[in-house]
Amino acid sequence: MRFGKILVKTGMRIPLIAWSIAVIYPVIWMVLGAFKSNGEIFASPWALPKSFSFDNFVTAWTDFNIGSSFLNSIFVTMLGTVLCLVFSLPTSYAIERIRFRGSKVLFNVYLSAMMIPMVLGWIPLFFLLMKLHMLNSLWGLGVVYAVTQIPFSVFILTSFMGTVPKELEESAAIDGLSPYGILFKIVTPLVLTGIITVSIMNAITFWNEYFMALIFLQSDDQYTLGVAMDLMNQKAQYTNAWGALFAGLTIAVIPIMIVYGIFQRHIVKGMTEGAVKG
């Protein structure tokens, strides 16, 4: 009986172990390749580098424009995350707490927006940004990022808003706080877990986004990391700069992995609390 339980537990862990190896090993291989010369990559692709040289990182950062693309990605990620939070936080509060005609319809409109494939909006967005003179602009891309994630953010934040006791808001209103004062001084600290979860999920989405950046940005100096890495991959086929390509991929991947590693407890906590409270 005991042997059977051990066998069942082992069998359940085998897929998890296999999946972990399939995900982690290519990342380790990519990072090790970033420290190798082209000769080492072709001669012994699976071996450790003979010496840990940062020449590939310097080449990727300077010769392939990864440095400016890295800063562009940071800018649009922060801009999109902040704008999305600025728009979605008051909207969530209004939908959940302020009863007005059509509030439920408005909430359902936000929910239905999550079901629309984003690819259907690329062409209208292209011409809209062109009319507003925001095409090939990091500001324009940041605004588009924020707008696309507002339905998801409203959906998550609304479930957290519903858990705040109304008595607190009523007491604050009696003390003379305005609706915005109640939102920012009373409600926001109580839904901080939801705000952190939404912000991190949005930031990861914006950092990894590729297609909208490819369509809406049209010059090398405006490219984000996703587009820059695609161009670098094409150039590497002709310049044989595989070490620099691995270094560029490492620069693109490691920061967001560090951020996720630091805040993953908040993400899991926020998603589980949101699921229970929703």
Protein backbone atom coordinates (compact mmCIF):
# COMPACT_ATOMS: atom_id res chain seq x y z
CA MET A 1 0.00 0.00 0.00
CA ARG A 2 2.79 2.37 1.01
CA PHE A 3 4.75 1.43 -2.11
CA GLY A 4 1.69 2.19 -4.23
CA LYS A 5 1.37 5.70 -2.78
CA ILE A 6 5.06 6.38 -3.41
CA LEU A 7 4.64 5.15 -6.98
CA VAL A 8 1.63 7.41 -7.54
CA LYS A 9 3.43 10.47 -6.11
CA THR A 10 6.50 9.75 -8.23
CA GLY A 11 4.35 9.36 -11.33
CA MET A 12 2.68 12.71 -10.65
CA ARG A 13 6.04 14.46 -10.30
CA ILE A 14 7.61 13.06 -13.49
CA PRO A 15 5.63 15.37 -15.86
CA LEU A 16 6.45 18.37 -13.64
CA ILE A 17 10.16 17.52 -13.61
CA ALA A 18 10.17 16.94 -17.39
CA TRP A 19 8.37 20.23 -18.01
CA SER A 20 10.77 22.11 -15.71
CA ILE A 21 13.79 20.71 -17.56
CA ALA A 22 12.22 21.57 -20.94
CA VAL A 23 11.75 25.20 -19.82
CA ILE A 24 14.85 25.86 -17.73
CA TYR A 25 17.51 24.11 -19.82
CA PRO A 26 17.09 26.25 -23.01
CA VAL A 27 17.37 29.38 -20.84
CA ILE A 28 20.61 28.13 -19.24
CA TRP A 29 21.92 27.12 -22.67
CA MET A 30 21.11 30.60 -24.03
CA VAL A 31 22.90 32.35 -21.13
CA LEU A 32 25.99 30.12 -21.45
CA GLY A 33 26.04 30.74 -25.23
CA ALA A 34 26.18 34.47 -24.56
CA PHE A 35 29.63 34.02 -22.99
CA LYS A 36 31.07 31.89 -25.84
CA SER A 37 32.82 32.82 -29.04
CA ASN A 38 31.33 31.68 -32.35
CA GLY A 39 34.03 28.99 -32.58
CA GLU A 40 33.01 27.55 -29.19
CA ILE A 41 29.31 27.65 -30.08
CA PHE A 42 29.87 25.58 -33.24
CA ALA A 43 32.58 23.30 -31.80
CA SER A 44 30.89 22.45 -28.48
CA PRO A 45 27.38 23.90 -28.27
CA TRP A 46 26.50 21.96 -25.09
CA ALA A 47 29.73 22.60 -23.16
CA LEU A 48 30.52 25.33 -20.65
CA PRO A 49 32.41 28.38 -22.01
CA LYS A 50 36.19 28.29 -21.63
CA SER A 51 36.09 31.77 -20.11
CA PHE A 52 33.22 34.07 -19.21
CA SER A 53 33.76 37.01 -21.57
CA PHE A 54 31.33 39.94 -21.82
CA ASP A 55 32.38 40.88 -25.37
CA ASN A 56 29.12 39.55 -26.83
CA PHE A 57 27.09 41.71 -24.46
CA VAL A 58 29.10 44.79 -25.47
CA THR A 59 28.62 43.95 -29.18
CA ALA A 60 24.88 43.40 -28.78
CA TRP A 61 24.44 46.56 -26.70
CA THR A 62 26.37 48.89 -29.02
CA ASP A 63 26.64 47.41 -32.55
CA PHE A 64 23.09 46.00 -32.72
CA ASN A 65 21.30 48.88 -30.98
CA ILE A 66 20.07 46.71 -28.10
CA GLY A 67 20.92 49.45 -25.59
CA SER A 68 18.43 52.00 -26.97
CA SER A 69 15.82 49.27 -27.56
CA PHE A 70 16.21 48.21 -23.93
CA LEU A 71 15.50 51.77 -22.77
CA ASN A 72 12.55 52.03 -25.22
CA SER A 73 11.03 48.86 -23.77
CA ILE A 74 11.43 50.20 -20.23
CA PHE A 75 9.72 53.45 -21.27
CA VAL A 76 6.68 51.93 -23.01
CA THR A 77 6.30 49.29 -20.28
CA MET A 78 6.27 51.88 -17.48
CA LEU A 79 4.09 54.30 -19.46
CA GLY A 80 1.54 51.61 -20.39
CA THR A 81 1.44 50.20 -16.84
CA VAL A 82 0.94 53.60 -15.17
CA LEU A 83 -1.65 54.83 -17.70
CA CYS A 84 -3.60 51.58 -17.50
CA LEU A 85 -3.72 51.84 -13.70
CA VAL A 86 -4.74 55.52 -13.84
CA PHE A 87 -7.65 54.68 -16.17
CA SER A 88 -8.79 51.38 -14.67
CA LEU A 89 -8.64 52.17 -10.92
CA PRO A 90 -11.33 54.95 -10.91
CA THR A 91 -13.36 53.00 -13.49
CA SER A 92 -13.39 49.88 -11.29
CA TYR A 93 -14.42 51.93 -8.26
CA ALA A 94 -17.22 53.68 -10.14
CA ILE A 95 -18.60 50.45 -11.58
CA GLU A 96 -18.50 48.62 -8.24
CA ARG A 97 -19.50 51.36 -5.78
CA ILE A 98 -21.40 54.10 -7.61
CA ARG A 99 -24.78 52.84 -8.72
CA PHE A 100 -25.92 54.58 -11.88
CA ARG A 101 -28.08 53.62 -14.80
CA GLY A 102 -26.18 51.36 -17.15
CA SER A 103 -23.37 50.44 -14.74
CA LYS A 104 -23.94 46.70 -15.24
CA VAL A 105 -24.12 47.18 -19.00
CA LEU A 106 -20.86 49.12 -18.88
CA PHE A 107 -19.19 46.35 -16.87
CA ASN A 108 -20.39 43.74 -19.38
CA VAL A 109 -18.99 45.88 -22.21
CA TYR A 110 -15.58 45.79 -20.51
CA LEU A 111 -15.86 42.02 -20.07
CA SER A 112 -16.85 41.49 -23.70
CA ALA A 113 -13.87 43.58 -24.82
CA MET A 114 -11.60 40.89 -23.35
CA MET A 115 -13.06 38.39 -25.84
CA ILE A 116 -12.27 40.44 -28.97
CA PRO A 117 -9.07 39.27 -30.73
CA MET A 118 -6.58 42.11 -30.68
CA VAL A 119 -5.58 41.43 -34.28
CA LEU A 120 -8.94 42.86 -35.42
CA GLY A 121 -8.01 46.27 -34.04
CA TRP A 122 -4.55 46.66 -35.55
CA ILE A 123 -5.61 48.27 -38.84
CA PRO A 124 -8.06 50.81 -37.27
CA LEU A 125 -5.47 51.61 -34.61
CA PHE A 126 -2.83 52.17 -37.29
CA PHE A 127 -4.93 54.80 -39.08
CA LEU A 128 -6.10 56.34 -35.78
CA LEU A 129 -2.51 56.81 -34.59
CA MET A 130 -1.60 58.22 -38.01
CA LYS A 131 -4.45 60.79 -37.76
CA LEU A 132 -3.30 61.75 -34.25
CA HIS A 133 0.36 62.02 -35.41
CA MET A 134 1.30 59.33 -32.85
CA LEU A 135 2.51 56.72 -35.34
CA ASN A 136 6.16 55.72 -34.84
CA SER A 137 5.96 57.20 -31.34
CA LEU A 138 6.76 55.49 -28.05
CA TRP A 139 4.08 57.66 -26.42
CA GLY A 140 1.50 56.37 -28.89
CA LEU A 141 2.54 52.76 -28.35
CA GLY A 142 2.38 53.22 -24.56
CA VAL A 143 -1.18 54.60 -24.83
CA VAL A 144 -2.23 51.69 -27.05
CA TYR A 145 -0.74 49.21 -24.57
CA ALA A 146 -2.63 50.84 -21.70
CA VAL A 147 -5.96 50.84 -23.54
CA THR A 148 -5.70 47.20 -24.57
CA GLN A 149 -5.24 46.02 -20.96
CA ILE A 150 -7.92 48.20 -19.33
CA PRO A 151 -10.70 45.53 -19.62
CA PHE A 152 -8.53 42.91 -17.89
CA SER A 153 -7.46 45.40 -15.20
CA VAL A 154 -11.06 46.54 -14.56
CA PHE A 155 -12.18 42.92 -14.27
CA ILE A 156 -9.53 42.12 -11.64
CA LEU A 157 -9.79 45.37 -9.66
CA THR A 158 -13.59 45.32 -9.54
CA SER A 159 -13.53 42.00 -7.68
CA PHE A 160 -11.17 43.52 -5.07
CA MET A 161 -13.26 46.71 -4.75
CA GLY A 162 -16.27 44.61 -3.80
CA THR A 163 -14.49 43.29 -0.68
CA VAL A 164 -13.96 46.73 0.92
CA PRO A 165 -16.57 47.32 3.67
CA LYS A 166 -19.00 50.06 2.68
CA GLU A 167 -19.08 51.29 6.30
CA LEU A 168 -15.53 52.62 5.88
CA GLU A 169 -16.53 54.68 2.87
CA GLU A 170 -19.66 55.97 4.61
CA SER A 171 -17.60 57.06 7.64
CA ALA A 172 -15.09 58.80 5.36
CA ALA A 173 -17.92 60.56 3.50
CA ILE A 174 -19.38 61.79 6.82
CA ASP A 175 -15.91 63.16 7.70
CA GLY A 176 -16.01 65.19 4.49
CA LEU A 177 -13.89 63.20 2.05
CA SER A 178 -14.78 63.52 -1.62
CA PRO A 179 -15.32 60.38 -3.77
CA TYR A 180 -11.74 60.71 -5.10
CA GLY A 181 -10.46 61.15 -1.53
CA ILE A 182 -12.28 57.98 -0.47
CA LEU A 183 -10.86 56.13 -3.47
CA PHE A 184 -7.22 57.14 -2.98
CA LYS A 185 -7.05 57.38 0.84
CA ILE A 186 -9.39 54.58 1.94
CA VAL A 187 -9.98 52.08 -0.87
CA THR A 188 -6.62 52.05 -2.68
CA PRO A 189 -4.54 50.90 0.35
CA LEU A 190 -7.04 48.09 0.98
CA VAL A 191 -6.85 46.75 -2.61
CA LEU A 192 -3.07 47.10 -2.90
CA THR A 193 -2.62 43.37 -3.56
CA GLY A 194 -4.91 43.61 -6.59
CA ILE A 195 -3.12 46.72 -7.85
CA ILE A 196 0.30 45.03 -7.59
CA THR A 197 -1.00 41.91 -9.34
CA VAL A 198 -2.55 43.85 -12.21
CA SER A 199 0.51 46.09 -12.62
CA ILE A 200 2.97 43.18 -12.79
CA MET A 201 0.80 41.15 -15.18
CA ASN A 202 0.44 44.19 -17.45
CA ALA A 203 4.16 45.01 -17.27
CA ILE A 204 5.10 41.46 -18.31
CA THR A 205 2.62 41.63 -21.21
CA PHE A 206 3.94 45.00 -22.42
CA TRP A 207 7.60 43.95 -22.10
CA ASN A 208 7.06 40.81 -24.19
CA GLU A 209 4.75 42.40 -26.78
CA TYR A 210 6.02 42.21 -30.37
CA PHE A 211 3.40 42.60 -33.14
CA MET A 212 1.98 46.01 -32.21
CA ALA A 213 5.49 47.39 -31.76
CA LEU A 214 6.41 45.99 -35.20
CA ILE A 215 3.37 47.64 -36.83
CA PHE A 216 3.24 50.99 -35.02
CA LEU A 217 7.00 51.72 -34.82
CA GLN A 218 8.82 52.34 -38.09
CA SER A 219 12.36 53.50 -37.31
CA ASP A 220 15.32 51.74 -35.72
CA ASP A 221 15.75 54.27 -32.93
CA GLN A 222 12.15 53.68 -31.74
CA TYR A 223 12.18 49.86 -31.78
CA THR A 224 11.49 47.95 -28.58
CA LEU A 225 13.44 44.85 -27.58
CA GLY A 226 11.07 42.39 -29.28
CA VAL A 227 11.42 44.05 -32.68
CA ALA A 228 15.15 44.70 -32.21
CA MET A 229 15.75 41.03 -31.38
CA ASP A 230 13.88 39.95 -34.52
CA LEU A 231 16.07 42.21 -36.66
CA MET A 232 19.16 41.02 -34.83
CA ASN A 233 18.20 37.42 -35.53
CA GLN A 234 17.96 38.18 -39.25
CA LYS A 235 21.33 39.98 -39.25
CA ALA A 236 22.98 37.17 -37.28
CA GLN A 237 22.27 34.77 -40.14
CA TYR A 238 24.52 36.85 -42.42
CA THR A 239 27.07 38.21 -39.94
CA ASN A 240 27.47 34.97 -37.99
CA ALA A 241 27.01 36.89 -34.72
CA TRP A 242 25.41 34.06 -32.79
CA GLY A 243 27.16 34.91 -29.53
CA ALA A 244 25.87 38.47 -29.72
CA LEU A 245 22.38 37.13 -30.49
CA PHE A 246 22.46 34.97 -27.35
CA ALA A 247 23.68 37.98 -25.37
CA GLY A 248 20.84 40.11 -26.73
CA LEU A 249 18.29 37.45 -25.83
CA THR A 250 19.75 37.26 -22.33
CA ILE A 251 19.47 41.03 -21.93
CA ALA A 252 15.84 40.83 -23.08
CA VAL A 253 14.81 37.92 -20.87
CA ILE A 254 16.71 38.24 -17.60
CA PRO A 255 15.21 41.56 -16.32
CA ILE A 256 11.61 40.42 -16.60
CA MET A 257 12.50 37.06 -15.02
CA ILE A 258 14.06 38.91 -12.05
CA VAL A 259 10.98 41.11 -11.67
CA TYR A 260 8.70 38.08 -11.83
CA GLY A 261 10.87 36.20 -9.33
CA ILE A 262 10.72 39.10 -6.85
CA PHE A 263 6.97 39.69 -7.11
CA GLN A 264 5.65 36.20 -7.96
CA ARG A 265 4.30 35.77 -4.44
CA HIS A 266 2.19 38.90 -4.89
CA ILE A 267 0.96 37.67 -8.30
CA VAL A 268 -0.12 34.27 -6.96
CA LYS A 269 -1.65 35.83 -3.85
CA GLY A 270 -3.52 38.43 -5.90
CA MET A 271 -4.86 35.94 -8.44
CA THR A 272 -6.05 33.50 -5.78
CA GLU A 273 -7.63 36.23 -3.64
CA GLY A 274 -9.26 37.72 -6.71
CA ALA A 275 -10.65 34.34 -7.76
CA VAL A 276 -12.10 33.68 -4.29
CA LYS A 277 -13.49 37.18 -3.83
CA GLY A 278 -14.74 37.46 -7.41
